[in-house]
C-alpha atoms as a PDB file:
ATOM      1  CA  MET A   1     -21.183 -80.353 -79.660  1.00  0.00           C
ATOM      2  CA  ASN A   2     -17.511 -81.408 -79.823  1.00  0.00           C
ATOM      3  CA  SER A   3     -18.223 -83.644 -82.819  1.00  0.00           C
ATOM      4  CA  MET A   4     -18.052 -80.480 -84.887  1.00  0.00           C
ATOM      5  CA  ILE A   5     -14.284 -80.252 -84.255  1.00  0.00           C
ATOM      6  CA  GLU A   6     -11.782 -82.298 -86.247  1.00  0.00           C
ATOM      7  CA  ILE A   7      -8.016 -82.303 -85.681  1.00  0.00           C
ATOM      8  CA  ASN A   8      -5.616 -83.568 -88.323  1.00  0.00           C
ATOM      9  CA  THR A   9      -2.956 -85.269 -86.209  1.00  0.00           C
ATOM     10  CA  ASP A  10      -0.794 -85.825 -89.296  1.00  0.00           C
ATOM     11  CA  THR A  11      -0.241 -82.101 -89.788  1.00  0.00           C
ATOM     12  CA  CYS A  12      -0.594 -80.918 -86.171  1.00  0.00           C
ATOM     13  CA  THR A  13       2.782 -79.540 -85.018  1.00  0.00           C
ATOM     14  CA  GLY A  14       1.968 -79.788 -81.320  1.00  0.00           C
ATOM     15  CA  CYS A  15       2.619 -76.090 -80.740  1.00  0.00           C
ATOM     16  CA  GLY A  16      -0.209 -75.901 -78.198  1.00  0.00           C
ATOM     17  CA  LEU A  17      -1.426 -72.487 -79.337  1.00  0.00           C
ATOM     18  CA  CYS A  18      -4.970 -73.771 -79.763  1.00  0.00           C
ATOM     19  CA  LEU A  19      -5.067 -74.773 -76.092  1.00  0.00           C
ATOM     20  CA  LYS A  20      -4.117 -71.253 -75.048  1.00  0.00           C
ATOM     21  CA  VAL A  21      -6.872 -69.525 -77.020  1.00  0.00           C
ATOM     22  CA  CYS A  22      -9.727 -72.017 -76.504  1.00  0.00           C
ATOM     23  CA  SER A  23     -12.154 -70.198 -74.210  1.00  0.00           C
ATOM     24  CA  ARG A  24     -14.023 -73.419 -73.418  1.00  0.00           C
ATOM     25  CA  LYS A  25     -10.831 -75.309 -72.487  1.00  0.00           C
ATOM     26  CA  ILE A  26     -11.908 -78.434 -74.336  1.00  0.00           C
ATOM     27  CA  LEU A  27      -8.506 -79.209 -75.915  1.00  0.00           C
ATOM     28  CA  LYS A  28      -5.495 -80.956 -74.452  1.00  0.00           C
ATOM     29  CA  MET A  29      -2.089 -82.242 -75.535  1.00  0.00           C
ATOM     30  CA  SER A  30      -1.646 -85.985 -75.975  1.00  0.00           C
ATOM     31  CA  LYS A  31       1.568 -87.539 -77.287  1.00  0.00           C
ATOM     32  CA  GLY A  32       2.685 -84.208 -78.658  1.00  0.00           C
ATOM     33  CA  LYS A  33      -0.558 -83.548 -80.549  1.00  0.00           C
ATOM     34  CA  ALA A  34      -3.676 -81.471 -79.869  1.00  0.00           C
ATOM     35  CA  LYS A  35      -6.676 -83.537 -78.913  1.00  0.00           C
ATOM     36  CA  ILE A  36     -10.251 -83.001 -77.775  1.00  0.00           C
ATOM     37  CA  MET A  37     -10.866 -83.871 -74.125  1.00  0.00           C
ATOM     38  CA  ASP A  38     -12.872 -87.021 -73.560  1.00  0.00           C
ATOM     39  CA  TYR A  39     -15.331 -85.416 -71.148  1.00  0.00           C
ATOM     40  CA  PRO A  40     -15.082 -81.633 -71.399  1.00  0.00           C
ATOM     41  CA  ASP A  41     -17.229 -79.403 -69.212  1.00  0.00           C
ATOM     42  CA  TRP A  42     -18.224 -77.314 -72.221  1.00  0.00           C
ATOM     43  CA  GLY A  43     -19.004 -77.786 -75.890  1.00  0.00           C
ATOM     44  CA  CYS A  44     -17.424 -75.923 -78.793  1.00  0.00           C
ATOM     45  CA  CYS A  45     -18.971 -72.465 -79.295  1.00  0.00           C
ATOM     46  CA  GLN A  46     -17.622 -72.089 -82.850  1.00  0.00           C
ATOM     47  CA  CYS A  47     -15.656 -68.941 -82.033  1.00  0.00           C
ATOM     48  CA  GLY A  48     -12.954 -70.012 -84.500  1.00  0.00           C
ATOM     49  CA  LEU A  49     -10.022 -68.867 -82.361  1.00  0.00           C
ATOM     50  CA  CYS A  50      -8.250 -72.215 -82.599  1.00  0.00           C
ATOM     51  CA  MET A  51      -8.463 -72.153 -86.402  1.00  0.00           C
ATOM     52  CA  SER A  52      -7.310 -68.550 -86.435  1.00  0.00           C
ATOM     53  CA  VAL A  53      -4.131 -69.314 -84.485  1.00  0.00           C
ATOM     54  CA  CYS A  54      -3.213 -72.777 -85.870  1.00  0.00           C
ATOM     55  CA  PRO A  55      -0.030 -72.409 -88.009  1.00  0.00           C
ATOM     56  CA  SER A  56      -0.642 -75.624 -89.976  1.00  0.00           C
ATOM     57  CA  GLN A  57      -4.425 -75.291 -90.387  1.00  0.00           C
ATOM     58  CA  SER A  58      -4.880 -78.645 -88.668  1.00  0.00           C
ATOM     59  CA  ILE A  59      -8.119 -77.826 -86.857  1.00  0.00           C
ATOM     60  CA  GLN A  60     -11.442 -77.764 -88.648  1.00  0.00           C
ATOM     61  CA  ILE A  61     -14.696 -76.576 -87.070  1.00  0.00           C
ATOM     62  CA  ALA A  62     -17.943 -77.416 -88.847  1.00  0.00           C
ATOM     63  CA  GLY A  63     -19.372 -74.394 -90.617  1.00  0.00           C
ATOM     64  CA  LEU A  64     -16.075 -72.496 -90.745  1.00  0.00           C
ATOM     65  CA  ASP A  65     -13.637 -72.353 -93.664  1.00  0.00           C
ATOM     66  CA  TYR A  66      -9.986 -71.300 -93.669  1.00  0.00           C
ATOM     67  CA  SER A  67     -10.571 -69.434 -96.940  1.00  0.00           C
ATOM     68  CA  GLU A  68     -12.614 -66.908 -94.956  1.00  0.00           C
ATOM     69  CA  PHE A  69      -9.867 -66.335 -92.373  1.00  0.00           C
ATOM     70  CA  ALA A  70      -7.930 -63.393 -93.825  1.00  0.00           C
ATOM     71  CA  ALA A  71      -4.512 -62.554 -92.400  1.00  0.00           C
ATOM     72  CA  PRO A  72      -4.620 -59.494 -90.111  1.00  0.00           C
ATOM     73  CA  SER A  73      -3.125 -56.282 -91.477  1.00  0.00           C
ATOM     74  CA  ASP A  74       0.009 -54.826 -89.898  1.00  0.00           C
ATOM     75  CA  THR A  75      -1.387 -51.331 -90.469  1.00  0.00           C
ATOM     76  CA  LYS A  76      -2.701 -49.839 -87.261  1.00  0.00           C
ATOM     77  CA  MET A  77      -4.448 -46.558 -86.542  1.00  0.00           C
ATOM     78  CA  GLY A  78      -2.683 -44.492 -83.921  1.00  0.00           C
ATOM     79  CA  PHE A  79      -4.616 -43.553 -80.796  1.00  0.00           C
ATOM     80  CA  GLU A  80      -4.469 -39.849 -81.637  1.00  0.00           C
ATOM     81  CA  ASP A  81      -6.122 -40.468 -85.019  1.00  0.00           C
ATOM     82  CA  LEU A  82      -8.766 -42.679 -83.418  1.00  0.00           C
ATOM     83  CA  GLU A  83      -9.476 -40.063 -80.753  1.00  0.00           C
ATOM     84  CA  VAL A  84      -9.913 -37.372 -83.415  1.00  0.00           C
ATOM     85  CA  LEU A  85     -12.341 -39.600 -85.330  1.00  0.00           C
ATOM     86  CA  LEU A  86     -14.430 -40.481 -82.277  1.00  0.00           C
ATOM     87  CA  SER A  87     -14.497 -37.000 -80.784  1.00  0.00           C
ATOM     88  CA  SER A  88     -15.566 -35.408 -84.075  1.00  0.00           C
ATOM     89  CA  ARG A  89     -18.732 -37.486 -84.322  1.00  0.00           C
ATOM     90  CA  ARG A  90     -22.024 -35.800 -83.479  1.00  0.00           C
ATOM     91  CA  SER A  91     -25.621 -37.028 -83.453  1.00  0.00           C
ATOM     92  CA  ILE A  92     -27.166 -35.790 -86.692  1.00  0.00           C
ATOM     93  CA  ARG A  93     -30.781 -34.611 -86.753  1.00  0.00           C
ATOM     94  CA  SER A  94     -30.765 -32.900 -90.146  1.00  0.00           C
ATOM     95  CA  TYR A  95     -29.924 -34.743 -93.367  1.00  0.00           C
ATOM     96  CA  LYS A  96     -29.443 -33.911 -97.024  1.00  0.00           C
ATOM     97  CA  ASP A  97     -32.071 -35.144 -99.442  1.00  0.00           C
ATOM     98  CA  LYS A  98     -29.647 -37.737-100.780  1.00  0.00           C
ATOM     99  CA  GLY A  99     -29.698 -41.520-100.683  1.00  0.00           C
ATOM    100  CA  ILE A 100     -26.792 -43.757 -99.677  1.00  0.00           C
ATOM    101  CA  ASP A 101     -25.238 -46.086-102.244  1.00  0.00           C
ATOM    102  CA  ARG A 102     -25.501 -49.814-101.527  1.00  0.00           C
ATOM    103  CA  GLU A 103     -21.697 -50.107-101.615  1.00  0.00           C
ATOM    104  CA  VAL A 104     -21.399 -47.618 -98.746  1.00  0.00           C
ATOM    105  CA  LEU A 105     -24.137 -49.327 -96.737  1.00  0.00           C
ATOM    106  CA  ASP A 106     -22.420 -52.680 -97.231  1.00  0.00           C
ATOM    107  CA  LYS A 107     -19.269 -51.241 -95.636  1.00  0.00           C
ATOM    108  CA  VAL A 108     -21.242 -50.023 -92.644  1.00  0.00           C
ATOM    109  CA  ILE A 109     -22.813 -53.457 -92.185  1.00  0.00           C
ATOM    110  CA  ARG A 110     -19.447 -55.222 -92.616  1.00  0.00           C
ATOM    111  CA  ALA A 111     -17.967 -53.063 -89.878  1.00  0.00           C
ATOM    112  CA  SER A 112     -20.927 -53.758 -87.584  1.00  0.00           C
ATOM    113  CA  ALA A 113     -20.221 -57.497 -87.842  1.00  0.00           C
ATOM    114  CA  LEU A 114     -16.668 -57.071 -86.491  1.00  0.00           C
ATOM    115  CA  THR A 115     -17.773 -56.481 -82.910  1.00  0.00           C
ATOM    116  CA  PRO A 116     -16.925 -58.682 -79.928  1.00  0.00           C
ATOM    117  CA  ILE A 117     -19.572 -61.365 -79.390  1.00  0.00           C
ATOM    118  CA  GLY A 118     -21.051 -62.083 -75.983  1.00  0.00           C
ATOM    119  CA  SER A 119     -21.349 -65.783 -76.747  1.00  0.00           C
ATOM    120  CA  PRO A 120     -20.443 -67.167 -80.200  1.00  0.00           C
ATOM    121  CA  PRO A 121     -21.775 -67.831 -82.716  1.00  0.00           C
ATOM    122  CA  THR A 122     -23.250 -64.429 -83.487  1.00  0.00           C
ATOM    123  CA  ASN A 123     -27.010 -64.065 -83.023  1.00  0.00           C
ATOM    124  CA  THR A 124     -27.458 -60.495 -84.281  1.00  0.00           C
ATOM    125  CA  GLU A 125     -29.743 -59.931 -87.261  1.00  0.00           C
ATOM    126  CA  VAL A 126     -29.869 -56.731 -89.306  1.00  0.00           C
ATOM    127  CA  LEU A 127     -32.662 -55.080 -91.279  1.00  0.00           C
ATOM    128  CA  VAL A 128     -31.703 -52.184 -93.571  1.00  0.00           C
ATOM    129  CA  ILE A 129     -34.569 -49.942 -94.691  1.00  0.00           C
ATOM    130  CA  SER A 130     -33.419 -47.613 -97.461  1.00  0.00           C
ATOM    131  CA  LYS A 131     -36.436 -47.056 -99.723  1.00  0.00           C
ATOM    132  CA  ARG A 132     -38.358 -43.885 -98.991  1.00  0.00           C
ATOM    133  CA  GLU A 133     -41.788 -45.547 -99.270  1.00  0.00           C
ATOM    134  CA  HIS A 134     -40.784 -48.175 -96.696  1.00  0.00           C
ATOM    135  CA  ILE A 135     -39.383 -45.562 -94.321  1.00  0.00           C
ATOM    136  CA  ASP A 136     -42.525 -43.449 -94.651  1.00  0.00           C
ATOM    137  CA  ASP A 137     -44.640 -46.529 -94.013  1.00  0.00           C
ATOM    138  CA  LEU A 138     -42.654 -47.375 -90.879  1.00  0.00           C
ATOM    139  CA  TYR A 139     -42.947 -43.776 -89.758  1.00  0.00           C
ATOM    140  CA  GLN A 140     -46.730 -43.908 -90.026  1.00  0.00           C
ATOM    141  CA  ASP A 141     -46.790 -47.171 -88.059  1.00  0.00           C
ATOM    142  CA  ILE A 142     -44.658 -45.637 -85.310  1.00  0.00           C
ATOM    143  CA  VAL A 143     -46.847 -42.538 -85.024  1.00  0.00           C
ATOM    144  CA  ARG A 144     -50.073 -44.575 -85.040  1.00  0.00           C
ATOM    145  CA  CYS A 145     -48.862 -47.031 -82.396  1.00  0.00           C
ATOM    146  CA  TRP A 146     -47.445 -44.358 -80.081  1.00  0.00           C
ATOM    147  CA  LYS A 147     -50.733 -42.440 -80.217  1.00  0.00           C
ATOM    148  CA  LYS A 148     -52.587 -45.645 -79.371  1.00  0.00           C
ATOM    149  CA  THR A 149     -50.207 -46.343 -76.462  1.00  0.00           C
ATOM    150  CA  MET A 150     -50.585 -42.825 -75.061  1.00  0.00           C
ATOM    151  CA  LYS A 151     -54.351 -43.132 -75.240  1.00  0.00           C
ATOM    152  CA  SER A 152     -54.251 -46.516 -73.485  1.00  0.00           C
ATOM    153  CA  MET A 153     -52.125 -45.064 -70.667  1.00  0.00           C
ATOM    154  CA  ASN A 154     -55.053 -42.815 -69.723  1.00  0.00           C
ATOM    155  CA  ASN A 155     -56.739 -45.967 -68.440  1.00  0.00           C
ATOM    156  CA  PRO A 156     -55.633 -46.572 -64.805  1.00  0.00           C
ATOM    157  CA  ILE A 157     -56.085 -50.343 -65.151  1.00  0.00           C
ATOM    158  CA  TYR A 158     -53.846 -50.364 -68.241  1.00  0.00           C
ATOM    159  CA  ARG A 159     -51.217 -48.371 -66.296  1.00  0.00           C
ATOM    160  CA  VAL A 160     -51.237 -50.870 -63.438  1.00  0.00           C
ATOM    161  CA  VAL A 161     -50.947 -53.845 -65.786  1.00  0.00           C
ATOM    162  CA  SER A 162     -48.181 -52.127 -67.789  1.00  0.00           C
ATOM    163  CA  GLY A 163     -46.235 -51.427 -64.621  1.00  0.00           C
ATOM    164  CA  ARG A 164     -46.386 -55.040 -63.507  1.00  0.00           C
ATOM    165  CA  VAL A 165     -45.498 -56.410 -66.937  1.00  0.00           C
ATOM    166  CA  ALA A 166     -42.670 -53.968 -67.643  1.00  0.00           C
ATOM    167  CA  GLY A 167     -41.193 -53.856 -64.141  1.00  0.00           C
ATOM    168  CA  ALA A 168     -40.362 -50.788 -62.071  1.00  0.00           C
ATOM    169  CA  ASN A 169     -37.319 -49.646 -64.059  1.00  0.00           C
ATOM    170  CA  GLN A 170     -38.883 -50.014 -67.508  1.00  0.00           C
ATOM    171  CA  TYR A 171     -42.160 -48.474 -66.362  1.00  0.00           C
ATOM    172  CA  HIS A 172     -40.291 -45.466 -64.972  1.00  0.00           C
ATOM    173  CA  ALA A 173     -38.444 -45.057 -68.292  1.00  0.00           C
ATOM    174  CA  LEU A 174     -41.755 -45.319 -70.152  1.00  0.00           C
ATOM    175  CA  THR A 175     -43.640 -42.755 -68.088  1.00  0.00           C
ATOM    176  CA  SER A 176     -40.828 -40.292 -67.392  1.00  0.00           C
ATOM    177  CA  HIS A 177     -39.100 -40.333 -70.778  1.00  0.00           C
ATOM    178  CA  ALA A 178     -40.667 -42.363 -73.594  1.00  0.00           C
ATOM    179  CA  LEU A 179     -44.255 -41.102 -73.305  1.00  0.00           C
ATOM    180  CA  PRO A 180     -43.315 -37.406 -72.972  1.00  0.00           C
ATOM    181  CA  SER A 181     -40.955 -37.782 -75.943  1.00  0.00           C
ATOM    182  CA  ALA A 182     -43.619 -39.594 -77.957  1.00  0.00           C
ATOM    183  CA  SER A 183     -46.093 -36.822 -77.193  1.00  0.00           C
ATOM    184  CA  ILE A 184     -43.696 -34.190 -78.529  1.00  0.00           C
ATOM    185  CA  CYS A 185     -42.929 -36.268 -81.633  1.00  0.00           C
ATOM    186  CA  CYS A 186     -46.606 -36.898 -82.384  1.00  0.00           C
ATOM    187  CA  GLU A 187     -47.465 -33.211 -81.959  1.00  0.00           C
ATOM    188  CA  ALA A 188     -44.652 -32.366 -84.384  1.00  0.00           C
ATOM    189  CA  THR A 189     -46.037 -34.939 -86.816  1.00  0.00           C
ATOM    190  CA  ASP A 190     -49.439 -33.276 -86.753  1.00  0.00           C
ATOM    191  CA  SER A 191     -47.724 -30.026 -87.749  1.00  0.00           C
ATOM    192  CA  GLY A 192     -45.846 -31.681 -90.614  1.00  0.00           C
ATOM    193  CA  LYS A 193     -42.487 -32.331 -88.936  1.00  0.00           C
ATOM    194  CA  ASN A 194     -40.862 -35.771 -88.700  1.00  0.00           C
ATOM    195  CA  ILE A 195     -38.744 -35.924 -85.564  1.00  0.00           C
ATOM    196  CA  PHE A 196     -39.260 -39.640 -85.026  1.00  0.00           C
ATOM    197  CA  ALA A 197     -36.857 -40.381 -87.891  1.00  0.00           C
ATOM    198  CA  PHE A 198     -35.617 -36.855 -88.787  1.00  0.00           C
ATOM    199  CA  ASP A 199     -36.213 -37.692 -92.476  1.00  0.00           C
ATOM    200  CA  ALA A 200     -33.097 -39.876 -92.490  1.00  0.00           C
ATOM    201  CA  PRO A 201     -32.737 -41.759 -95.804  1.00  0.00           C
ATOM    202  CA  VAL A 202     -31.739 -45.032 -94.131  1.00  0.00           C
ATOM    203  CA  ILE A 203     -32.883 -46.814 -90.963  1.00  0.00           C
ATOM    204  CA  ILE A 204     -31.041 -49.887 -89.678  1.00  0.00           C
ATOM    205  CA  LEU A 205     -32.654 -52.179 -87.109  1.00  0.00           C
ATOM    206  CA  PHE A 206     -30.495 -54.594 -85.127  1.00  0.00           C
ATOM    207  CA  HIS A 207     -32.584 -57.435 -83.760  1.00  0.00           C
ATOM    208  CA  GLY A 208     -32.401 -61.008 -82.535  1.00  0.00           C
ATOM    209  CA  ASN A 209     -34.193 -63.802 -80.714  1.00  0.00           C
ATOM    210  CA  LYS A 210     -35.447 -62.626 -77.317  1.00  0.00           C
ATOM    211  CA  LEU A 211     -33.963 -65.743 -75.699  1.00  0.00           C
ATOM    212  CA  GLY A 212     -30.568 -65.314 -77.377  1.00  0.00           C
ATOM    213  CA  VAL A 213     -27.535 -65.158 -75.095  1.00  0.00           C
ATOM    214  CA  CYS A 214     -26.242 -61.570 -74.743  1.00  0.00           C
ATOM    215  CA  ILE A 215     -28.529 -60.486 -77.601  1.00  0.00           C
ATOM    216  CA  VAL A 216     -29.066 -56.999 -76.142  1.00  0.00           C
ATOM    217  CA  GLU A 217     -25.333 -56.397 -75.800  1.00  0.00           C
ATOM    218  CA  ASN A 218     -24.576 -57.906 -79.216  1.00  0.00           C
ATOM    219  CA  CYS A 219     -27.092 -55.658 -80.976  1.00  0.00           C
ATOM    220  CA  TRP A 220     -25.837 -52.521 -79.268  1.00  0.00           C
ATOM    221  CA  LEU A 221     -22.205 -53.370 -79.989  1.00  0.00           C
ATOM    222  CA  ALA A 222     -23.041 -53.939 -83.657  1.00  0.00           C
ATOM    223  CA  ALA A 223     -24.960 -50.659 -83.832  1.00  0.00           C
ATOM    224  CA  SER A 224     -22.083 -48.782 -82.179  1.00  0.00           C
ATOM    225  CA  TYR A 225     -19.570 -50.142 -84.694  1.00  0.00           C
ATOM    226  CA  ALA A 226     -21.956 -49.209 -87.510  1.00  0.00           C
ATOM    227  CA  CYS A 227     -22.199 -45.701 -86.086  1.00  0.00           C
ATOM    228  CA  ILE A 228     -18.402 -45.280 -86.081  1.00  0.00           C
ATOM    229  CA  ALA A 229     -18.037 -46.769 -89.562  1.00  0.00           C
ATOM    230  CA  ALA A 230     -20.733 -44.439 -90.887  1.00  0.00           C
ATOM    231  CA  HIS A 231     -18.857 -41.433 -89.503  1.00  0.00           C
ATOM    232  CA  ALA A 232     -15.606 -42.612 -91.100  1.00  0.00           C
ATOM    233  CA  LEU A 233     -17.449 -42.827 -94.439  1.00  0.00           C
ATOM    234  CA  GLY A 234     -18.730 -39.270 -94.231  1.00  0.00           C
ATOM    235  CA  LEU A 235     -22.210 -40.170 -93.020  1.00  0.00           C
ATOM    236  CA  GLY A 236     -24.087 -38.856 -90.031  1.00  0.00           C
ATOM    237  CA  SER A 237     -26.163 -40.960 -87.674  1.00  0.00           C
ATOM    238  CA  ILE A 238     -28.368 -40.930 -84.618  1.00  0.00           C
ATOM    239  CA  PHE A 239     -29.812 -43.677 -82.448  1.00  0.00           C
ATOM    240  CA  SER A 240     -33.552 -43.933 -81.955  1.00  0.00           C
ATOM    241  CA  GLY A 241     -35.123 -45.186 -78.764  1.00  0.00           C
ATOM    242  CA  MET A 242     -38.651 -44.542 -79.987  1.00  0.00           C
ATOM    243  CA  ILE A 243     -38.833 -47.063 -82.833  1.00  0.00           C
ATOM    244  CA  PRO A 244     -37.723 -50.384 -81.195  1.00  0.00           C
ATOM    245  CA  PRO A 245     -40.418 -50.588 -78.480  1.00  0.00           C
ATOM    246  CA  ILE A 246     -43.210 -50.039 -80.993  1.00  0.00           C
ATOM    247  CA  VAL A 247     -41.887 -52.750 -83.310  1.00  0.00           C
ATOM    248  CA  ASN A 248     -41.436 -55.108 -80.366  1.00  0.00           C
ATOM    249  CA  MET A 249     -44.979 -54.610 -79.082  1.00  0.00           C
ATOM    250  CA  ASN A 250     -46.673 -55.232 -82.421  1.00  0.00           C
ATOM    251  CA  ALA A 251     -46.583 -58.613 -84.155  1.00  0.00           C
ATOM    252  CA  GLU A 252     -48.316 -57.024 -87.139  1.00  0.00           C
ATOM    253  CA  VAL A 253     -45.518 -54.478 -87.560  1.00  0.00           C
ATOM    254  CA  LYS A 254     -42.889 -57.207 -87.181  1.00  0.00           C
ATOM    255  CA  HIS A 255     -44.572 -59.282 -89.862  1.00  0.00           C
ATOM    256  CA  LYS A 256     -44.774 -56.341 -92.253  1.00  0.00           C
ATOM    257  CA  TYR A 257     -41.002 -55.802 -92.130  1.00  0.00           C
ATOM    258  CA  GLY A 258     -39.984 -59.448 -92.048  1.00  0.00           C
ATOM    259  CA  ILE A 259     -38.855 -59.551 -88.419  1.00  0.00           C
ATOM    260  CA  PRO A 260     -39.549 -62.950 -86.787  1.00  0.00           C
ATOM    261  CA  VAL A 261     -42.143 -62.713 -84.043  1.00  0.00           C
ATOM    262  CA  GLU A 262     -39.706 -64.281 -81.569  1.00  0.00           C
ATOM    263  CA  ASN A 263     -37.211 -61.491 -82.238  1.00  0.00           C
ATOM    264  CA  ASN A 264     -36.966 -58.071 -80.635  1.00  0.00           C
ATOM    265  CA  VAL A 265     -35.323 -54.950 -82.018  1.00  0.00           C
ATOM    266  CA  TYR A 266     -32.731 -53.763 -79.509  1.00  0.00           C
ATOM    267  CA  SER A 267     -31.037 -50.902 -81.356  1.00  0.00           C
ATOM    268  CA  CYS A 268     -32.043 -48.613 -84.193  1.00  0.00           C
ATOM    269  CA  LEU A 269     -29.613 -46.426 -86.143  1.00  0.00           C
ATOM    270  CA  MET A 270     -30.645 -43.761 -88.624  1.00  0.00           C
ATOM    271  CA  LEU A 271     -28.146 -42.724 -91.306  1.00  0.00           C
ATOM    272  CA  GLY A 272     -27.701 -40.035 -93.928  1.00  0.00           C
ATOM    273  CA  TYR A 273     -25.416 -37.333 -95.228  1.00  0.00           C
ATOM    274  CA  PRO A 274     -25.360 -34.438 -92.716  1.00  0.00           C
ATOM    275  CA  ALA A 275     -27.020 -31.227 -93.838  1.00  0.00           C
ATOM    276  CA  VAL A 276     -24.659 -29.212 -91.626  1.00  0.00           C
ATOM    277  CA  LYS A 277     -20.976 -29.415 -90.758  1.00  0.00           C
ATOM    278  CA  PHE A 278     -19.905 -28.938 -87.146  1.00  0.00           C
ATOM    279  CA  LYS A 279     -16.961 -26.603 -86.617  1.00  0.00           C
ATOM    280  CA  ARG A 280     -16.091 -27.627 -83.069  1.00  0.00           C
ATOM    281  CA  ARG A 281     -15.781 -30.780 -81.042  1.00  0.00           C
ATOM    282  CA  ILE A 282     -17.776 -31.081 -77.830  1.00  0.00           C
ATOM    283  CA  PRO A 283     -15.771 -32.311 -74.813  1.00  0.00           C
ATOM    284  CA  ARG A 284     -17.105 -35.463 -73.194  1.00  0.00           C
ATOM    285  CA  GLU A 285     -16.110 -37.236 -70.010  1.00  0.00           C
ATOM    286  CA  HIS A 286     -17.485 -39.975 -67.793  1.00  0.00           C
ATOM    287  CA  LYS A 287     -19.364 -38.938 -64.689  1.00  0.00           C
ATOM    288  CA  ASP A 288     -16.702 -40.590 -62.537  1.00  0.00           C
ATOM    289  CA  VAL A 289     -13.455 -42.521 -63.070  1.00  0.00           C
ATOM    290  CA  ARG A 290     -11.665 -44.301 -60.233  1.00  0.00           C
ATOM    291  CA  TYR A 291      -8.615 -46.582 -60.336  1.00  0.00           C
ATOM    292  CA  LEU A 292      -8.989 -49.141 -57.582  1.00  0.00           C
ATOM    293  CA  ASN A 293      -5.286 -49.578 -56.781  1.00  0.00           C
ATOM    294  CA  THR A 294      -5.567 -48.864 -53.060  1.00  0.00           C
ATOM    295  CA  ASN A 295      -7.850 -50.090 -50.306  1.00  0.00           C
ATOM    296  CA  PRO A 296     -11.234 -48.477 -51.083  1.00  0.00           C
ATOM    297  CA  PHE A 297     -12.037 -48.330 -47.344  1.00  0.00           C
ATOM    298  CA  TYR A 298      -8.901 -46.385 -46.495  1.00  0.00           C
ATOM    299  CA  VAL A 299      -9.527 -42.883 -45.141  1.00  0.00           C
ATOM    300  CA  GLU A 300      -6.516 -40.581 -44.941  1.00  0.00           C
ATOM    301  CA  GLY A 301      -5.706 -39.539 -41.392  1.00  0.00           C
ATOM    302  CA  ALA A 302      -7.742 -42.352 -39.846  1.00  0.00           C
ATOM    303  CA  VAL A 303      -6.574 -45.623 -38.382  1.00  0.00           C
ATOM    304  CA  GLU A 304      -7.405 -48.423 -40.817  1.00  0.00           C
ATOM    305  CA  LYS A 305      -9.147 -51.266 -39.096  1.00  0.00           C
ATOM    306  CA  GLU A 306      -8.355 -54.882 -39.899  1.00  0.00           C
ATOM    307  CA  ARG A 307     -10.934 -56.443 -42.179  1.00  0.00           C
ATOM    308  CA  CYS A 308     -11.497 -60.025 -43.143  1.00  0.00           C
END
């Protein structure tokens, strides 16, 4: 793995900045120059931090090019502006009958790629569905498969097997939330209403190899950044929890939309121009916030016992 790193000792200034940012700690100083350790505990993960910080561009990692490392901008958004942007976003369930230009979608996708990565290099893959016939086709697949799943769940043997395969937590989510929601959505479909996708003009699926490191987190981070970028561009969005499980359970559906069979969809974002404009922001807070700067076992008025 470390063969992918090359250090130009002729231009290396010996500043040592690369050692400070290397998360794998595979670099060392030798005779005033940066050098790769002879027997490091880790291999290079291609995060590019050493190249990003090197003042003389003396480090080269295979697959990365300095021409793609743009200098960071000194312009920063103030916290107040960021708070206004984030707090003004709402989940949109009603969209204008208007498509989204490719240029705008490209910006959303570019922003989604700027997320932190659980373990470099990135393993998130993105599928953008923006043609109405493809969205309608996916919608029909989702309705058909959910109806089939609900019918199968009437079989007690199927329920037992599903519970053992999915595990207690996932099975509880399926029976207490997903199936009731699917039932409502399918009933609405039969009456001519699309509340699986809310007639959104664009659906974005974030997926990756099921065995990928931190793939679930990476997909959700990318989708969250896309959601914020969409809002900044005047778009509305909403996450869907009903589409990913159907895609993941059906190899045929995966094949139809070009998703590798070894991949799973972990987050789904639907986009469009909002049909309504909200006039007020809704306050949001965490259920609980605690700063652990005192002994958590301390009880006021009681004698604190010595603990090991």
